[in-house]
Amino acid sequence: IAICIFKIHYLLIEQLLTPCSLSLIGTTYPSLTHLVLRQCKLVQLVGLESCKLLTVLDVQGNWLEQIHIQLNHLEYLNMSRNRITSLLSMNTPNLKYLDVSKNRLTRLNGIET
């Protein structure tokens, strides 16, 4: 059964106990502009490309080590309190706010804004 909810713009998921498919979030909620995935034990952000209208992404407190993001409308990105060592590939031309505090950063190359 495919469910598509067109009017949801803000989705908050905290302390998720089982893994979820991030690509399903974008196809289920095509109007999504704000996505908060705090303390969900995420190790990667594969599938977020389907969230084409995202302007706010908050993935604070996960287990992310590297970031590869291509979200053209993204303006706010909170990746604090993860395990990120480098930002290798980010294509976020509208990014205005980036929080990578409390990580293990050693490299910041690959950021295009």
C-alpha atoms as a PDB file:
ATOM      1  CA  ILE A   1       0.000   0.000   0.000  1.00  0.00           C
ATOM      2  CA  ALA A   2       1.496   3.307  -1.063  1.00  0.00           C
ATOM      3  CA  ILE A   3       0.478   6.296   1.013  1.00  0.00           C
ATOM      4  CA  CYS A   4       1.216   9.811  -0.147  1.00  0.00           C
ATOM      5  CA  ILE A   5       0.476  12.714   2.176  1.00  0.00           C
ATOM      6  CA  PHE A   6       0.783  15.955   0.208  1.00  0.00           C
ATOM      7  CA  LYS A   7       0.251  18.632   2.860  1.00  0.00           C
ATOM      8  CA  ILE A   8       2.815  17.648   5.501  1.00  0.00           C
ATOM      9  CA  HIS A   9       5.638  20.215   5.590  1.00  0.00           C
ATOM     10  CA  TYR A  10       7.282  19.414   8.946  1.00  0.00           C
ATOM     11  CA  LEU A  11       8.275  15.939  10.148  1.00  0.00           C
ATOM     12  CA  LEU A  12       9.897  15.277  13.536  1.00  0.00           C
ATOM     13  CA  ILE A  13      11.297  11.838  14.376  1.00  0.00           C
ATOM     14  CA  GLU A  14      13.319  11.415  17.577  1.00  0.00           C
ATOM     15  CA  GLN A  15      14.969   8.367  19.115  1.00  0.00           C
ATOM     16  CA  LEU A  16      13.890   5.975  16.394  1.00  0.00           C
ATOM     17  CA  LEU A  17      14.516   2.426  17.546  1.00  0.00           C
ATOM     18  CA  THR A  18      14.426   0.712  14.145  1.00  0.00           C
ATOM     19  CA  PRO A  19      16.048   1.894  10.914  1.00  0.00           C
ATOM     20  CA  CYS A  20      13.845   3.706   8.423  1.00  0.00           C
ATOM     21  CA  SER A  21      14.286   4.275   4.714  1.00  0.00           C
ATOM     22  CA  LEU A  22      14.992   7.953   4.136  1.00  0.00           C
ATOM     23  CA  SER A  23      13.966   7.652   0.491  1.00  0.00           C
ATOM     24  CA  LEU A  24      10.459   6.650   1.621  1.00  0.00           C
ATOM     25  CA  ILE A  25      10.158   9.882   3.589  1.00  0.00           C
ATOM     26  CA  GLY A  26      10.539  11.985   0.447  1.00  0.00           C
ATOM     27  CA  THR A  27       8.114   9.929  -1.613  1.00  0.00           C
ATOM     28  CA  THR A  28       5.545   9.714   1.187  1.00  0.00           C
ATOM     29  CA  TYR A  29       5.748  13.424   2.047  1.00  0.00           C
ATOM     30  CA  PRO A  30       6.544  15.260  -1.226  1.00  0.00           C
ATOM     31  CA  SER A  31       5.794  18.712   0.286  1.00  0.00           C
ATOM     32  CA  LEU A  32       8.229  18.204   3.171  1.00  0.00           C
ATOM     33  CA  THR A  33      10.330  21.304   3.881  1.00  0.00           C
ATOM     34  CA  HIS A  34      11.493  20.593   7.472  1.00  0.00           C
ATOM     35  CA  LEU A  35      12.901  17.225   8.546  1.00  0.00           C
ATOM     36  CA  VAL A  36      14.166  16.564  12.071  1.00  0.00           C
ATOM     37  CA  LEU A  37      15.804  13.167  12.698  1.00  0.00           C
ATOM     38  CA  ARG A  38      17.425  13.506  16.119  1.00  0.00           C
ATOM     39  CA  GLN A  39      18.998  10.580  17.967  1.00  0.00           C
ATOM     40  CA  CYS A  40      17.826   7.990  15.432  1.00  0.00           C
ATOM     41  CA  LYS A  41      21.135   6.076  15.245  1.00  0.00           C
ATOM     42  CA  LEU A  42      21.571   7.048  11.582  1.00  0.00           C
ATOM     43  CA  VAL A  43      24.948   6.131  10.091  1.00  0.00           C
ATOM     44  CA  GLN A  44      24.292   7.617   6.628  1.00  0.00           C
ATOM     45  CA  LEU A  45      21.856   9.921   4.855  1.00  0.00           C
ATOM     46  CA  VAL A  46      21.251   7.877   1.706  1.00  0.00           C
ATOM     47  CA  GLY A  47      17.910   8.579   0.048  1.00  0.00           C
ATOM     48  CA  LEU A  48      17.395  12.183   1.096  1.00  0.00           C
ATOM     49  CA  GLU A  49      17.638  13.299  -2.540  1.00  0.00           C
ATOM     50  CA  SER A  50      13.946  12.420  -2.835  1.00  0.00           C
ATOM     51  CA  CYS A  51      13.170  15.234  -0.357  1.00  0.00           C
ATOM     52  CA  LYS A  52      13.492  17.844  -3.093  1.00  0.00           C
ATOM     53  CA  LEU A  53      11.852  20.745  -1.199  1.00  0.00           C
ATOM     54  CA  LEU A  54      13.803  20.406   2.070  1.00  0.00           C
ATOM     55  CA  THR A  55      14.944  23.738   3.483  1.00  0.00           C
ATOM     56  CA  VAL A  56      15.670  22.548   7.044  1.00  0.00           C
ATOM     57  CA  LEU A  57      17.455  19.317   7.982  1.00  0.00           C
ATOM     58  CA  ASP A  58      18.338  18.501  11.592  1.00  0.00           C
ATOM     59  CA  VAL A  59      20.209  15.229  12.166  1.00  0.00           C
ATOM     60  CA  GLN A  60      21.667  16.075  15.562  1.00  0.00           C
ATOM     61  CA  GLY A  61      22.839  13.246  17.802  1.00  0.00           C
ATOM     62  CA  ASN A  62      23.195  10.410  15.299  1.00  0.00           C
ATOM     63  CA  TRP A  63      26.155   8.215  14.330  1.00  0.00           C
ATOM     64  CA  LEU A  64      27.021   9.915  11.036  1.00  0.00           C
ATOM     65  CA  GLU A  65      30.711   9.832  10.045  1.00  0.00           C
ATOM     66  CA  GLN A  66      30.726  11.320   6.528  1.00  0.00           C
ATOM     67  CA  ILE A  67      28.267  13.540   4.705  1.00  0.00           C
ATOM     68  CA  HIS A  68      27.306  13.424   1.029  1.00  0.00           C
ATOM     69  CA  ILE A  69      24.357  15.777   0.484  1.00  0.00           C
ATOM     70  CA  GLN A  70      22.847  17.252  -2.679  1.00  0.00           C
ATOM     71  CA  LEU A  71      19.826  19.315  -1.667  1.00  0.00           C
ATOM     72  CA  ASN A  72      19.391  22.479  -3.716  1.00  0.00           C
ATOM     73  CA  HIS A  73      16.847  24.211  -1.456  1.00  0.00           C
ATOM     74  CA  LEU A  74      18.512  23.401   1.882  1.00  0.00           C
ATOM     75  CA  GLU A  75      19.108  26.536   3.995  1.00  0.00           C
ATOM     76  CA  TYR A  76      19.588  25.141   7.515  1.00  0.00           C
ATOM     77  CA  LEU A  77      21.644  22.049   8.366  1.00  0.00           C
ATOM     78  CA  ASN A  78      22.305  20.859  11.921  1.00  0.00           C
ATOM     79  CA  MET A  79      24.705  17.909  12.074  1.00  0.00           C
ATOM     80  CA  SER A  80      25.978  18.532  15.594  1.00  0.00           C
ATOM     81  CA  ARG A  81      26.762  15.699  18.015  1.00  0.00           C
ATOM     82  CA  ASN A  82      27.607  13.069  15.415  1.00  0.00           C
ATOM     83  CA  ARG A  83      30.873  11.278  14.563  1.00  0.00           C
ATOM     84  CA  ILE A  84      31.672  13.285  11.450  1.00  0.00           C
ATOM     85  CA  THR A  85      35.368  13.383  10.559  1.00  0.00           C
ATOM     86  CA  SER A  86      35.100  15.132   7.190  1.00  0.00           C
ATOM     87  CA  LEU A  87      32.657  16.946   4.937  1.00  0.00           C
ATOM     88  CA  LEU A  88      33.638  15.499   1.583  1.00  0.00           C
ATOM     89  CA  SER A  89      30.732  16.204  -0.711  1.00  0.00           C
ATOM     90  CA  MET A  90      28.024  18.768  -0.074  1.00  0.00           C
ATOM     91  CA  ASN A  91      26.157  20.509  -2.871  1.00  0.00           C
ATOM     92  CA  THR A  92      23.879  22.911  -1.006  1.00  0.00           C
ATOM     93  CA  PRO A  93      23.871  26.215  -2.935  1.00  0.00           C
ATOM     94  CA  ASN A  94      21.309  27.931  -0.651  1.00  0.00           C
ATOM     95  CA  LEU A  95      22.835  26.893   2.694  1.00  0.00           C
ATOM     96  CA  LYS A  96      22.849  29.761   5.215  1.00  0.00           C
ATOM     97  CA  TYR A  97      23.357  27.895   8.521  1.00  0.00           C
ATOM     98  CA  LEU A  98      25.624  24.915   9.192  1.00  0.00           C
ATOM     99  CA  ASP A  99      26.224  23.430  12.654  1.00  0.00           C
ATOM    100  CA  VAL A 100      28.879  20.721  12.847  1.00  0.00           C
ATOM    101  CA  SER A 101      29.819  21.284  16.481  1.00  0.00           C
ATOM    102  CA  LYS A 102      30.701  18.361  18.765  1.00  0.00           C
ATOM    103  CA  ASN A 103      31.990  16.154  15.946  1.00  0.00           C
ATOM    104  CA  ARG A 104      35.436  14.748  15.114  1.00  0.00           C
ATOM    105  CA  LEU A 105      36.142  17.005  12.139  1.00  0.00           C
ATOM    106  CA  THR A 106      39.584  16.991  10.579  1.00  0.00           C
ATOM    107  CA  ARG A 107      38.687  18.122   7.000  1.00  0.00           C
ATOM    108  CA  LEU A 108      36.215  20.621   5.539  1.00  0.00           C
ATOM    109  CA  ASN A 109      36.885  20.369   1.796  1.00  0.00           C
ATOM    110  CA  GLY A 110      34.163  19.594  -0.715  1.00  0.00           C
ATOM    111  CA  ILE A 111      31.591  22.121   0.486  1.00  0.00           C
ATOM    112  CA  GLU A 112      29.900  24.025  -2.336  1.00  0.00           C
ATOM    113  CA  THR A 113      27.590  26.860  -1.336  1.00  0.00           C
END
